[in-house]
Protein backbone atom coordinates (compact mmCIF):
# COMPACT_ATOMS: atom_id res chain seq x y z
CA UNK A 1 -0.18 -0.11 0.36
CA UNK A 2 1.51 3.41 -1.15
CA UNK A 3 0.63 6.67 1.01
CA UNK A 4 0.73 10.23 -0.38
CA UNK A 5 1.14 13.27 2.59
CA UNK A 6 -0.31 16.70 1.29
CA UNK A 7 2.63 19.14 2.18
CA UNK A 8 2.66 23.18 1.43
CA UNK A 9 5.42 24.17 -0.85
CA UNK A 10 7.34 26.81 0.54
CA UNK A 11 10.45 27.42 -1.62
CA UNK A 12 11.25 26.37 -4.71
CA UNK A 13 14.95 25.98 -6.21
CA UNK A 14 14.67 24.57 -9.85
CA UNK A 15 13.21 21.30 -10.24
CA UNK A 16 13.63 20.85 -6.30
CA UNK A 17 10.70 22.14 -3.76
CA UNK A 18 11.45 22.55 0.05
CA UNK A 19 7.39 21.74 1.55
CA UNK A 20 5.92 21.37 5.02
CA UNK A 21 4.15 18.73 6.29
CA UNK A 22 3.46 20.26 10.17
CA UNK A 23 6.22 21.91 11.50
CA UNK A 24 8.68 19.34 9.92
CA UNK A 25 10.03 20.83 6.59
CA UNK A 26 11.44 18.49 3.62
CA UNK A 27 12.94 18.73 0.13
CA UNK A 28 10.70 17.51 -2.41
CA UNK A 29 11.55 16.79 -5.77
CA UNK A 30 9.22 18.23 -8.53
CA UNK A 31 10.34 16.77 -11.70
CA UNK A 32 6.86 15.01 -12.51
CA UNK A 33 4.85 18.66 -11.75
CA UNK A 34 4.66 21.80 -13.87
CA UNK A 35 3.25 25.65 -12.50
CA UNK A 36 3.89 24.60 -8.57
CA UNK A 37 4.34 27.89 -6.24
CA UNK A 38 5.14 28.59 -2.55
CA UNK A 39 1.92 28.37 -1.39
CA UNK A 40 0.46 25.64 -3.18
CA UNK A 41 -0.05 21.97 -1.70
CA UNK A 42 1.29 19.19 -3.64
CA UNK A 43 0.43 15.24 -2.54
CA UNK A 44 4.40 14.07 -2.00
CA UNK A 45 5.04 10.13 -1.92
CA UNK A 46 8.35 9.10 -1.72
CA UNK A 47 10.20 12.47 -1.69
CA UNK A 48 8.02 12.87 -5.28
CA UNK A 49 5.55 15.79 -5.66
CA UNK A 50 3.02 13.80 -7.85
CA UNK A 51 -0.18 16.06 -7.38
CA UNK A 52 -0.82 19.25 -6.81
CA UNK A 53 -3.84 19.29 -4.83
CA UNK A 54 -6.54 21.82 -3.56
CA UNK A 55 -5.88 23.78 -0.03
CA UNK A 56 -9.33 22.09 1.10
CA UNK A 57 -9.00 18.90 0.12
CA UNK A 58 -5.19 18.93 1.86
CA UNK A 59 -6.72 20.47 4.91
CA UNK A 60 -9.41 18.10 4.68
CA UNK A 61 -6.60 15.19 4.48
CA UNK A 62 -4.79 16.68 6.99
CA UNK A 63 -7.60 16.72 9.88
CA UNK A 64 -8.10 13.18 9.21
CA UNK A 65 -4.20 12.23 9.42
CA UNK A 66 -4.78 14.26 13.06
CA UNK A 67 -7.71 12.48 13.84
CA UNK A 68 -6.30 9.05 13.62
CA UNK A 69 -3.01 9.94 15.20
CA UNK A 70 -4.71 11.19 18.30
CA UNK A 71 -6.92 7.65 18.28
CA UNK A 72 -3.66 6.14 18.89
CA UNK A 73 -2.55 8.04 21.27
CA UNK A 74 -5.58 7.74 23.66
């Protein structure tokens, strides 16, 4: 099973973006996408941004991940 997670693009340097997942930053390849800008949300999988996603969809997915995480903490 593969899992892609939403990440917010912070900075772009050529074909590499700095993305944020919560308060953690990662580097992500943009080789599979066009027209990505800082502030956009992308679906991140195995170090690659594989799809641009709507900010509302990203927020809902993040909310669901947090809800699942909180269930395991209880």
